PDB file of N, CA and C in Angstrom:
ATOM      1  N   MET A   1     -29.017  70.075  17.655  1.00  0.00           N
ATOM      2  CA  MET A   1     -29.310  68.981  18.566  1.00  0.00           C
ATOM      3  C   MET A   1     -29.238  67.665  17.801  1.00  0.00           C
ATOM      4  N   SER A   2     -28.461  66.742  18.316  1.00  0.00           N
ATOM      5  CA  SER A   2     -28.285  65.464  17.634  1.00  0.00           C
ATOM      6  C   SER A   2     -29.331  64.454  18.094  1.00  0.00           C
ATOM      7  N   ALA A   3     -29.519  63.451  17.257  1.00  0.00           N
ATOM      8  CA  ALA A   3     -30.469  62.384  17.573  1.00  0.00           C
ATOM      9  C   ALA A   3     -29.906  61.526  18.705  1.00  0.00           C
ATOM     10  N   PRO A   4     -30.784  60.937  19.520  1.00  0.00           N
ATOM     11  CA  PRO A   4     -30.300  60.071  20.603  1.00  0.00           C
ATOM     12  C   PRO A   4     -29.525  58.883  20.045  1.00  0.00           C
ATOM     13  N   SER A   5     -28.504  58.522  20.739  1.00  0.00           N
ATOM     14  CA  SER A   5     -27.651  57.412  20.316  1.00  0.00           C
ATOM     15  C   SER A   5     -28.328  56.075  20.618  1.00  0.00           C
ATOM     16  N   PRO A   6     -28.405  55.182  19.618  1.00  0.00           N
ATOM     17  CA  PRO A   6     -28.970  53.850  19.892  1.00  0.00           C
ATOM     18  C   PRO A   6     -28.139  53.093  20.927  1.00  0.00           C
ATOM     19  N   PHE A   7     -26.814  53.321  20.918  1.00  0.00           N
ATOM     20  CA  PHE A   7     -25.949  52.666  21.888  1.00  0.00           C
ATOM     21  C   PHE A   7     -26.292  53.120  23.303  1.00  0.00           C
ATOM     22  N   ARG A   8     -26.551  54.422  23.479  1.00  0.00           N
ATOM     23  CA  ARG A   8     -26.915  54.954  24.789  1.00  0.00           C
ATOM     24  C   ARG A   8     -28.225  54.331  25.268  1.00  0.00           C
ATOM     25  N   ASP A   9     -29.208  54.212  24.367  1.00  0.00           N
ATOM     26  CA  ASP A   9     -30.491  53.595  24.732  1.00  0.00           C
ATOM     27  C   ASP A   9     -30.300  52.136  25.125  1.00  0.00           C
ATOM     28  N   LEU A  10     -29.442  51.415  24.408  1.00  0.00           N
ATOM     29  CA  LEU A  10     -29.184  50.015  24.715  1.00  0.00           C
ATOM     30  C   LEU A  10     -28.527  49.887  26.083  1.00  0.00           C
ATOM     31  N   CYS A  11     -27.545  50.739  26.362  1.00  0.00           N
ATOM     32  CA  CYS A  11     -26.872  50.691  27.664  1.00  0.00           C
ATOM     33  C   CYS A  11     -27.856  50.978  28.787  1.00  0.00           C
ATOM     34  N   PHE A  12     -28.737  51.934  28.578  1.00  0.00           N
ATOM     35  CA  PHE A  12     -29.736  52.258  29.595  1.00  0.00           C
ATOM     36  C   PHE A  12     -30.633  51.058  29.866  1.00  0.00           C
ATOM     37  N   LYS A  13     -31.063  50.399  28.797  1.00  0.00           N
ATOM     38  CA  LYS A  13     -31.930  49.227  28.963  1.00  0.00           C
ATOM     39  C   LYS A  13     -31.202  48.104  29.709  1.00  0.00           C
ATOM     40  N   LEU A  14     -29.935  47.888  29.364  1.00  0.00           N
ATOM     41  CA  LEU A  14     -29.183  46.818  30.011  1.00  0.00           C
ATOM     42  C   LEU A  14     -28.930  47.116  31.480  1.00  0.00           C
ATOM     43  N   ILE A  15     -28.631  48.357  31.791  1.00  0.00           N
ATOM     44  CA  ILE A  15     -28.346  48.728  33.172  1.00  0.00           C
ATOM     45  C   ILE A  15     -29.628  48.739  33.994  1.00  0.00           C
ATOM     46  N   SER A  16     -30.719  49.250  33.424  1.00  0.00           N
ATOM     47  CA  SER A  16     -31.957  49.397  34.189  1.00  0.00           C
ATOM     48  C   SER A  16     -32.733  48.090  34.321  1.00  0.00           C
ATOM     49  N   SER A  17     -32.449  47.131  33.470  1.00  0.00           N
ATOM     50  CA  SER A  17     -33.179  45.865  33.521  1.00  0.00           C
ATOM     51  C   SER A  17     -32.426  44.856  34.369  1.00  0.00           C
ATOM     52  N   ARG A  18     -33.124  44.289  35.323  1.00  0.00           N
ATOM     53  CA  ARG A  18     -32.510  43.294  36.198  1.00  0.00           C
ATOM     54  C   ARG A  18     -32.263  41.974  35.485  1.00  0.00           C
ATOM     55  N   TYR A  19     -33.118  41.668  34.519  1.00  0.00           N
ATOM     56  CA  TYR A  19     -33.027  40.398  33.799  1.00  0.00           C
ATOM     57  C   TYR A  19     -32.691  40.657  32.337  1.00  0.00           C
ATOM     58  N   ALA A  20     -31.726  41.494  32.081  1.00  0.00           N
ATOM     59  CA  ALA A  20     -31.367  41.846  30.713  1.00  0.00           C
ATOM     60  C   ALA A  20     -30.732  40.654  30.010  1.00  0.00           C
ATOM     61  N   THR A  21     -31.129  40.466  28.774  1.00  0.00           N
ATOM     62  CA  THR A  21     -30.512  39.450  27.934  1.00  0.00           C
ATOM     63  C   THR A  21     -30.107  40.119  26.637  1.00  0.00           C
ATOM     64  N   VAL A  22     -28.980  39.767  26.129  1.00  0.00           N
ATOM     65  CA  VAL A  22     -28.475  40.391  24.919  1.00  0.00           C
ATOM     66  C   VAL A  22     -29.295  39.922  23.725  1.00  0.00           C
ATOM     67  N   GLY A  23     -29.736  40.871  22.919  1.00  0.00           N
ATOM     68  CA  GLY A  23     -30.441  40.544  21.692  1.00  0.00           C
ATOM     69  C   GLY A  23     -31.922  40.289  21.849  1.00  0.00           C
ATOM     70  N   ARG A  24     -32.446  40.370  23.041  1.00  0.00           N
ATOM     71  CA  ARG A  24     -33.878  40.138  23.241  1.00  0.00           C
ATOM     72  C   ARG A  24     -34.498  41.319  23.957  1.00  0.00           C
ATOM     73  N   THR A  25     -35.675  41.716  23.493  1.00  0.00           N
ATOM     74  CA  THR A  25     -36.385  42.779  24.191  1.00  0.00           C
ATOM     75  C   THR A  25     -37.420  42.205  25.138  1.00  0.00           C
ATOM     76  N   VAL A  26     -37.892  41.001  24.840  1.00  0.00           N
ATOM     77  CA  VAL A  26     -38.903  40.349  25.666  1.00  0.00           C
ATOM     78  C   VAL A  26     -38.365  38.977  26.067  1.00  0.00           C
ATOM     79  N   PRO A  27     -38.388  38.647  27.364  1.00  0.00           N
ATOM     80  CA  PRO A  27     -37.891  37.326  27.761  1.00  0.00           C
ATOM     81  C   PRO A  27     -38.840  36.231  27.281  1.00  0.00           C
ATOM     82  N   SER A  28     -38.334  35.017  27.170  1.00  0.00           N
ATOM     83  CA  SER A  28     -39.201  33.907  26.787  1.00  0.00           C
ATOM     84  C   SER A  28     -40.286  33.742  27.847  1.00  0.00           C
ATOM     85  N   PHE A  29     -41.365  33.098  27.474  1.00  0.00           N
ATOM     86  CA  PHE A  29     -42.483  32.949  28.405  1.00  0.00           C
ATOM     87  C   PHE A  29     -42.083  32.133  29.624  1.00  0.00           C
ATOM     88  N   ARG A  30     -41.251  31.135  29.411  1.00  0.00           N
ATOM     89  CA  ARG A  30     -40.798  30.316  30.535  1.00  0.00           C
ATOM     90  C   ARG A  30     -40.017  31.158  31.541  1.00  0.00           C
ATOM     91  N   ILE A  31     -39.121  31.990  31.047  1.00  0.00           N
ATOM     92  CA  ILE A  31     -38.344  32.864  31.926  1.00  0.00           C
ATOM     93  C   ILE A  31     -39.240  33.915  32.560  1.00  0.00           C
ATOM     94  N   ALA A  32     -40.156  34.480  31.781  1.00  0.00           N
ATOM     95  CA  ALA A  32     -41.089  35.479  32.323  1.00  0.00           C
ATOM     96  C   ALA A  32     -41.966  34.856  33.403  1.00  0.00           C
ATOM     97  N   GLY A  33     -42.360  33.596  33.218  1.00  0.00           N
ATOM     98  CA  GLY A  33     -43.150  32.905  34.237  1.00  0.00           C
ATOM     99  C   GLY A  33     -42.374  32.728  35.532  1.00  0.00           C
ATOM    100  N   GLU A  34     -41.098  32.420  35.395  1.00  0.00           N
ATOM    101  CA  GLU A  34     -40.240  32.282  36.581  1.00  0.00           C
ATOM    102  C   GLU A  34     -40.066  33.638  37.273  1.00  0.00           C
ATOM    103  N   MET A  35     -39.925  34.690  36.493  1.00  0.00           N
ATOM    104  CA  MET A  35     -39.819  36.037  37.064  1.00  0.00           C
ATOM    105  C   MET A  35     -41.105  36.394  37.816  1.00  0.00           C
ATOM    106  N   GLU A  36     -42.240  36.002  37.261  1.00  0.00           N
ATOM    107  CA  GLU A  36     -43.528  36.267  37.911  1.00  0.00           C
ATOM    108  C   GLU A  36     -43.630  35.499  39.221  1.00  0.00           C
ATOM    109  N   ARG A  37     -43.162  34.249  39.207  1.00  0.00           N
ATOM    110  CA  ARG A  37     -43.188  33.451  40.434  1.00  0.00           C
ATOM    111  C   ARG A  37     -42.359  34.129  41.525  1.00  0.00           C
ATOM    112  N   ARG A  38     -41.237  34.685  41.156  1.00  0.00           N
ATOM    113  CA  ARG A  38     -40.395  35.395  42.128  1.00  0.00           C
ATOM    114  C   ARG A  38     -41.083  36.630  42.687  1.00  0.00           C
ATOM    115  N   LYS A  39     -41.918  37.269  41.882  1.00  0.00           N
ATOM    116  CA  LYS A  39     -42.661  38.440  42.371  1.00  0.00           C
ATOM    117  C   LYS A  39     -43.627  38.054  43.482  1.00  0.00           C
ATOM    118  N   TRP A  40     -44.080  36.811  43.465  1.00  0.00           N
ATOM    119  CA  TRP A  40     -45.036  36.329  44.465  1.00  0.00           C
ATOM    120  C   TRP A  40     -44.338  35.836  45.727  1.00  0.00           C
ATOM    121  N   LYS A  41     -43.019  35.906  45.778  1.00  0.00           N
ATOM    122  CA  LYS A  41     -42.253  35.395  46.914  1.00  0.00           C
ATOM    123  C   LYS A  41     -42.655  36.027  48.247  1.00  0.00           C
ATOM    124  N   PRO A  42     -42.868  37.355  48.327  1.00  0.00           N
ATOM    125  CA  PRO A  42     -43.306  37.940  49.613  1.00  0.00           C
ATOM    126  C   PRO A  42     -44.658  37.395  50.078  1.00  0.00           C
ATOM    127  N   PHE A  43     -45.576  37.193  49.144  1.00  0.00           N
ATOM    128  CA  PHE A  43     -46.884  36.618  49.480  1.00  0.00           C
ATOM    129  C   PHE A  43     -46.706  35.200  50.012  1.00  0.00           C
ATOM    130  N   ARG A  44     -45.894  34.415  49.299  1.00  0.00           N
ATOM    131  CA  ARG A  44     -45.657  33.025  49.685  1.00  0.00           C
ATOM    132  C   ARG A  44     -45.018  32.937  51.062  1.00  0.00           C
ATOM    133  N   ALA A  45     -44.112  33.876  51.351  1.00  0.00           N
ATOM    134  CA  ALA A  45     -43.396  33.856  52.632  1.00  0.00           C
ATOM    135  C   ALA A  45     -44.337  34.043  53.818  1.00  0.00           C
ATOM    136  N   LEU A  46     -45.473  34.686  53.607  1.00  0.00           N
ATOM    137  CA  LEU A  46     -46.421  34.926  54.688  1.00  0.00           C
ATOM    138  C   LEU A  46     -47.427  33.796  54.886  1.00  0.00           C
ATOM    139  N   LEU A  47     -47.363  32.793  54.021  1.00  0.00           N
ATOM    140  CA  LEU A  47     -48.263  31.638  54.159  1.00  0.00           C
ATOM    141  C   LEU A  47     -47.698  30.653  55.172  1.00  0.00           C
ATOM    142  N   ASP A  48     -48.578  29.810  55.734  1.00  0.00           N
ATOM    143  CA  ASP A  48     -48.127  28.713  56.585  1.00  0.00           C
ATOM    144  C   ASP A  48     -47.315  27.735  55.740  1.00  0.00           C
ATOM    145  N   LYS A  49     -46.508  26.907  56.397  1.00  0.00           N
ATOM    146  CA  LYS A  49     -45.660  25.957  55.660  1.00  0.00           C
ATOM    147  C   LYS A  49     -46.477  25.028  54.776  1.00  0.00           C
ATOM    148  N   LYS A  50     -47.583  24.494  55.312  1.00  0.00           N
ATOM    149  CA  LYS A  50     -48.407  23.580  54.505  1.00  0.00           C
ATOM    150  C   LYS A  50     -49.043  24.319  53.331  1.00  0.00           C
ATOM    151  N   ASP A  51     -49.390  25.593  53.527  1.00  0.00           N
ATOM    152  CA  ASP A  51     -49.972  26.376  52.443  1.00  0.00           C
ATOM    153  C   ASP A  51     -48.930  26.744  51.398  1.00  0.00           C
ATOM    154  N   ARG A  52     -47.681  26.907  51.810  1.00  0.00           N
ATOM    155  CA  ARG A  52     -46.609  27.190  50.852  1.00  0.00           C
ATOM    156  C   ARG A  52     -46.454  26.034  49.872  1.00  0.00           C
ATOM    157  N   LYS A  53     -46.526  24.830  50.405  1.00  0.00           N
ATOM    158  CA  LYS A  53     -46.392  23.648  49.550  1.00  0.00           C
ATOM    159  C   LYS A  53     -47.543  23.594  48.539  1.00  0.00           C
ATOM    160  N   ILE A  54     -48.742  23.878  48.995  1.00  0.00           N
ATOM    161  CA  ILE A  54     -49.908  23.891  48.104  1.00  0.00           C
ATOM    162  C   ILE A  54     -49.777  25.014  47.084  1.00  0.00           C
ATOM    163  N   PHE A  55     -49.322  26.182  47.538  1.00  0.00           N
ATOM    164  CA  PHE A  55     -49.122  27.316  46.633  1.00  0.00           C
ATOM    165  C   PHE A  55     -48.105  26.956  45.546  1.00  0.00           C
ATOM    166  N   ASP A  56     -46.991  26.322  45.940  1.00  0.00           N
ATOM    167  CA  ASP A  56     -45.974  25.924  44.967  1.00  0.00           C
ATOM    168  C   ASP A  56     -46.536  24.922  43.964  1.00  0.00           C
ATOM    169  N   GLU A  57     -47.320  23.980  44.468  1.00  0.00           N
ATOM    170  CA  GLU A  57     -47.938  22.989  43.584  1.00  0.00           C
ATOM    171  C   GLU A  57     -48.889  23.669  42.609  1.00  0.00           C
ATOM    172  N   MET A  58     -49.692  24.583  43.125  1.00  0.00           N
ATOM    173  CA  MET A  58     -50.653  25.292  42.280  1.00  0.00           C
ATOM    174  C   MET A  58     -49.925  26.114  41.221  1.00  0.00           C
ATOM    175  N   PHE A  59     -48.871  26.802  41.602  1.00  0.00           N
ATOM    176  CA  PHE A  59     -48.143  27.636  40.652  1.00  0.00           C
ATOM    177  C   PHE A  59     -47.433  26.783  39.608  1.00  0.00           C
ATOM    178  N   SER A  60     -47.049  25.570  39.974  1.00  0.00           N
ATOM    179  CA  SER A  60     -46.357  24.700  39.021  1.00  0.00           C
ATOM    180  C   SER A  60     -47.282  24.239  37.890  1.00  0.00           C
ATOM    181  N   TYR A  61     -48.592  24.281  38.097  1.00  0.00           N
ATOM    182  CA  TYR A  61     -49.518  23.908  37.027  1.00  0.00           C
ATOM    183  C   TYR A  61     -49.330  24.780  35.803  1.00  0.00           C
ATOM    184  N   SER A  62     -48.928  26.019  36.005  1.00  0.00           N
ATOM    185  CA  SER A  62     -48.764  26.908  34.860  1.00  0.00           C
ATOM    186  C   SER A  62     -47.679  26.401  33.911  1.00  0.00           C
ATOM    187  N   ARG A  63     -46.693  25.674  34.434  1.00  0.00           N
ATOM    188  CA  ARG A  63     -45.623  25.146  33.579  1.00  0.00           C
ATOM    189  C   ARG A  63     -46.144  24.087  32.613  1.00  0.00           C
ATOM    190  N   LEU A  64     -47.239  23.436  32.965  1.00  0.00           N
ATOM    191  CA  LEU A  64     -47.820  22.432  32.071  1.00  0.00           C
ATOM    192  C   LEU A  64     -48.330  23.065  30.780  1.00  0.00           C
ATOM    193  N   TYR A  65     -48.643  24.345  30.844  1.00  0.00           N
ATOM    194  CA  TYR A  65     -49.255  25.025  29.708  1.00  0.00           C
ATOM    195  C   TYR A  65     -48.367  26.154  29.184  1.00  0.00           C
ATOM    196  N   ASN A  66     -47.044  26.004  29.301  1.00  0.00           N
ATOM    197  CA  ASN A  66     -46.126  27.020  28.798  1.00  0.00           C
ATOM    198  C   ASN A  66     -46.311  27.269  27.307  1.00  0.00           C
ATOM    199  N   SER A  67     -46.509  26.222  26.538  1.00  0.00           N
ATOM    200  CA  SER A  67     -46.663  26.400  25.090  1.00  0.00           C
ATOM    201  C   SER A  67     -47.923  27.204  24.772  1.00  0.00           C
ATOM    202  N   ALA A  68     -48.990  26.996  25.527  1.00  0.00           N
ATOM    203  CA  ALA A  68     -50.204  27.781  25.316  1.00  0.00           C
ATOM    204  C   ALA A  68     -49.986  29.226  25.772  1.00  0.00           C
ATOM    205  N   GLY A  69     -49.240  29.406  26.843  1.00  0.00           N
ATOM    206  CA  GLY A  69     -48.945  30.753  27.332  1.00  0.00           C
ATOM    207  C   GLY A  69     -48.143  31.556  26.334  1.00  0.00           C
ATOM    208  N   VAL A  70     -47.239  30.890  25.623  1.00  0.00           N
ATOM    209  CA  VAL A  70     -46.447  31.569  24.601  1.00  0.00           C
ATOM    210  C   VAL A  70     -47.366  32.106  23.512  1.00  0.00           C
ATOM    211  N   MET A  71     -48.333  31.324  23.143  1.00  0.00           N
ATOM    212  CA  MET A  71     -49.228  31.730  22.056  1.00  0.00           C
ATOM    213  C   MET A  71     -50.240  32.777  22.492  1.00  0.00           C
ATOM    214  N   ALA A  72     -50.419  32.962  23.782  1.00  0.00           N
ATOM    215  CA  ALA A  72     -51.387  33.952  24.260  1.00  0.00           C
ATOM    216  C   ALA A  72     -50.915  35.372  23.983  1.00  0.00           C
ATOM    217  N   CYS A  73     -49.602  35.589  23.963  1.00  0.00           N
ATOM    218  CA  CYS A  73     -49.004  36.901  23.667  1.00  0.00           C
ATOM    219  C   CYS A  73     -49.640  38.017  24.476  1.00  0.00           C
ATOM    220  N   ARG A  74     -49.686  37.851  25.765  1.00  0.00           N
ATOM    221  CA  ARG A  74     -50.247  38.863  26.662  1.00  0.00           C
ATOM    222  C   ARG A  74     -49.125  39.644  27.321  1.00  0.00           C
ATOM    223  N   PRO A  75     -49.291  40.962  27.449  1.00  0.00           N
ATOM    224  CA  PRO A  75     -48.244  41.741  28.105  1.00  0.00           C
ATOM    225  C   PRO A  75     -48.174  41.512  29.618  1.00  0.00           C
ATOM    226  N   VAL A  76     -49.256  41.050  30.216  1.00  0.00           N
ATOM    227  CA  VAL A  76     -49.276  40.770  31.648  1.00  0.00           C
ATOM    228  C   VAL A  76     -49.075  39.264  31.810  1.00  0.00           C
ATOM    229  N   VAL A  77     -47.904  38.875  32.260  1.00  0.00           N
ATOM    230  CA  VAL A  77     -47.515  37.459  32.304  1.00  0.00           C
ATOM    231  C   VAL A  77     -48.396  36.651  33.232  1.00  0.00           C
ATOM    232  N   VAL A  78     -48.878  37.247  34.299  1.00  0.00           N
ATOM    233  CA  VAL A  78     -49.645  36.485  35.281  1.00  0.00           C
ATOM    234  C   VAL A  78     -50.994  36.019  34.715  1.00  0.00           C
ATOM    235  N   HIS A  79     -51.522  36.666  33.707  1.00  0.00           N
ATOM    236  CA  HIS A  79     -52.825  36.258  33.159  1.00  0.00           C
ATOM    237  C   HIS A  79     -52.803  34.835  32.606  1.00  0.00           C
ATOM    238  N   PRO A  80     -51.885  34.480  31.688  1.00  0.00           N
ATOM    239  CA  PRO A  80     -51.881  33.082  31.239  1.00  0.00           C
ATOM    240  C   PRO A  80     -51.502  32.098  32.345  1.00  0.00           C
ATOM    241  N   ILE A  81     -50.707  32.539  33.322  1.00  0.00           N
ATOM    242  CA  ILE A  81     -50.363  31.660  34.442  1.00  0.00           C
ATOM    243  C   ILE A  81     -51.616  31.334  35.239  1.00  0.00           C
ATOM    244  N   LEU A  82     -52.385  32.357  35.581  1.00  0.00           N
ATOM    245  CA  LEU A  82     -53.612  32.131  36.349  1.00  0.00           C
ATOM    246  C   LEU A  82     -54.633  31.336  35.546  1.00  0.00           C
ATOM    247  N   LYS A  83     -54.718  31.594  34.252  1.00  0.00           N
ATOM    248  CA  LYS A  83     -55.646  30.824  33.413  1.00  0.00           C
ATOM    249  C   LYS A  83     -55.226  29.368  33.354  1.00  0.00           C
ATOM    250  N   SER A  84     -53.930  29.104  33.322  1.00  0.00           N
ATOM    251  CA  SER A  84     -53.446  27.722  33.324  1.00  0.00           C
ATOM    252  C   SER A  84     -53.825  27.013  34.613  1.00  0.00           C
ATOM    253  N   ILE A  85     -53.673  27.706  35.734  1.00  0.00           N
ATOM    254  CA  ILE A  85     -54.030  27.124  37.029  1.00  0.00           C
ATOM    255  C   ILE A  85     -55.528  26.841  37.085  1.00  0.00           C
ATOM    256  N   ILE A  86     -56.327  27.798  36.654  1.00  0.00           N
ATOM    257  CA  ILE A  86     -57.789  27.619  36.649  1.00  0.00           C
ATOM    258  C   ILE A  86     -58.180  26.466  35.730  1.00  0.00           C
ATOM    259  N   PHE A  87     -57.549  26.391  34.560  1.00  0.00           N
ATOM    260  CA  PHE A  87     -57.862  25.328  33.614  1.00  0.00           C
ATOM    261  C   PHE A  87     -57.538  23.960  34.194  1.00  0.00           C
ATOM    262  N   GLU A  88     -56.380  23.833  34.847  1.00  0.00           N
ATOM    263  CA  GLU A  88     -56.004  22.556  35.453  1.00  0.00           C
ATOM    264  C   GLU A  88     -56.975  22.178  36.567  1.00  0.00           C
ATOM    265  N   HIS A  89     -57.362  23.134  37.385  1.00  0.00           N
ATOM    266  CA  HIS A  89     -58.334  22.850  38.452  1.00  0.00           C
ATOM    267  C   HIS A  89     -59.690  22.458  37.870  1.00  0.00           C
ATOM    268  N   TYR A  90     -60.077  23.110  36.802  1.00  0.00           N
ATOM    269  CA  TYR A  90     -61.340  22.764  36.142  1.00  0.00           C
ATOM    270  C   TYR A  90     -61.303  21.324  35.632  1.00  0.00           C
ATOM    271  N   LYS A  91     -60.185  20.929  35.017  1.00  0.00           N
ATOM    272  CA  LYS A  91     -60.055  19.554  34.533  1.00  0.00           C
ATOM    273  C   LYS A  91     -60.153  18.561  35.683  1.00  0.00           C
ATOM    274  N   GLN A  92     -59.517  18.885  36.806  1.00  0.00           N
ATOM    275  CA  GLN A  92     -59.564  17.988  37.966  1.00  0.00           C
ATOM    276  C   GLN A  92     -60.978  17.902  38.530  1.00  0.00           C
ATOM    277  N   LEU A  93     -61.685  19.011  38.584  1.00  0.00           N
ATOM    278  CA  LEU A  93     -63.071  18.995  39.071  1.00  0.00           C
ATOM    279  C   LEU A  93     -63.973  18.173  38.154  1.00  0.00           C
ATOM    280  N   ARG A  94     -63.784  18.298  36.851  1.00  0.00           N
ATOM    281  CA  ARG A  94     -64.580  17.497  35.910  1.00  0.00           C
ATOM    282  C   ARG A  94     -64.306  16.009  36.089  1.00  0.00           C
ATOM    283  N   LYS A  95     -63.035  15.667  36.312  1.00  0.00           N
ATOM    284  CA  LYS A  95     -62.679  14.266  36.514  1.00  0.00           C
ATOM    285  C   LYS A  95     -63.344  13.723  37.775  1.00  0.00           C
ATOM    286  N   ILE A  96     -63.337  14.502  38.837  1.00  0.00           N
ATOM    287  CA  ILE A  96     -63.999  14.099  40.088  1.00  0.00           C
ATOM    288  C   ILE A  96     -65.494  13.952  39.863  1.00  0.00           C
ATOM    289  N   ASN A  97     -66.066  14.895  39.142  1.00  0.00           N
ATOM    290  CA  ASN A  97     -67.507  14.889  38.888  1.00  0.00           C
ATOM    291  C   ASN A  97     -67.919  13.662  38.071  1.00  0.00           C
ATOM    292  N   THR A  98     -67.168  13.328  37.038  1.00  0.00           N
ATOM    293  CA  THR A  98     -67.522  12.162  36.228  1.00  0.00           C
ATOM    294  C   THR A  98     -67.336  10.855  36.994  1.00  0.00           C
ATOM    295  N   SER A  99     -66.319  10.801  37.852  1.00  0.00           N
ATOM    296  CA  SER A  99     -66.121   9.575  38.631  1.00  0.00           C
ATOM    297  C   SER A  99     -67.203   9.410  39.692  1.00  0.00           C
ATOM    298  N   ARG A 100     -67.738  10.501  40.200  1.00  0.00           N
ATOM    299  CA  ARG A 100     -68.818  10.422  41.208  1.00  0.00           C
ATOM    300  C   ARG A 100     -70.130  10.003  40.573  1.00  0.00           C
ATOM    301  N   ARG A 101     -70.335  10.288  39.311  1.00  0.00           N
ATOM    302  CA  ARG A 101     -71.575   9.888  38.629  1.00  0.00           C
ATOM    303  C   ARG A 101     -71.728   8.373  38.595  1.00  0.00           C
ATOM    304  N   TYR A 102     -70.612   7.696  38.432  1.00  0.00           N
ATOM    305  CA  TYR A 102     -70.664   6.240  38.324  1.00  0.00           C
ATOM    306  C   TYR A 102     -70.752   5.549  39.674  1.00  0.00           C
ATOM    307  N   GLU A 103     -70.584   6.284  40.757  1.00  0.00           N
ATOM    308  CA  GLU A 103     -70.674   5.683  42.082  1.00  0.00           C
ATOM    309  C   GLU A 103     -72.123   5.457  42.508  1.00  0.00           C
ATOM    310  N   TYR A 104     -73.045   6.197  41.976  1.00  0.00           N
ATOM    311  CA  TYR A 104     -74.448   6.077  42.402  1.00  0.00           C
ATOM    312  C   TYR A 104     -75.164   4.952  41.765  1.00  0.00           C
TER     313      TYR A 104
END
């Protein structure tokens, strides 16, 4: 019995992967984030039009923190995306809170 061919394994990976790139086993975080956004397309399609716009805006916050997402090195791409969204919302809430303190 012979050892499995590395060429055969490579061909299998290229054929079975929808987003195959030559020479890379893991897509860049930016590309992986875009792939994750596409996974949410069925959910987005069921939202009202005004909610779709808000959803798109919310999801775009993750792009602000792509460099931090790269350093997170998490196998589940949505985790740093969701953390980026939460972090941006937290910053906005703090800004609102500090501006309201000076109104009184």
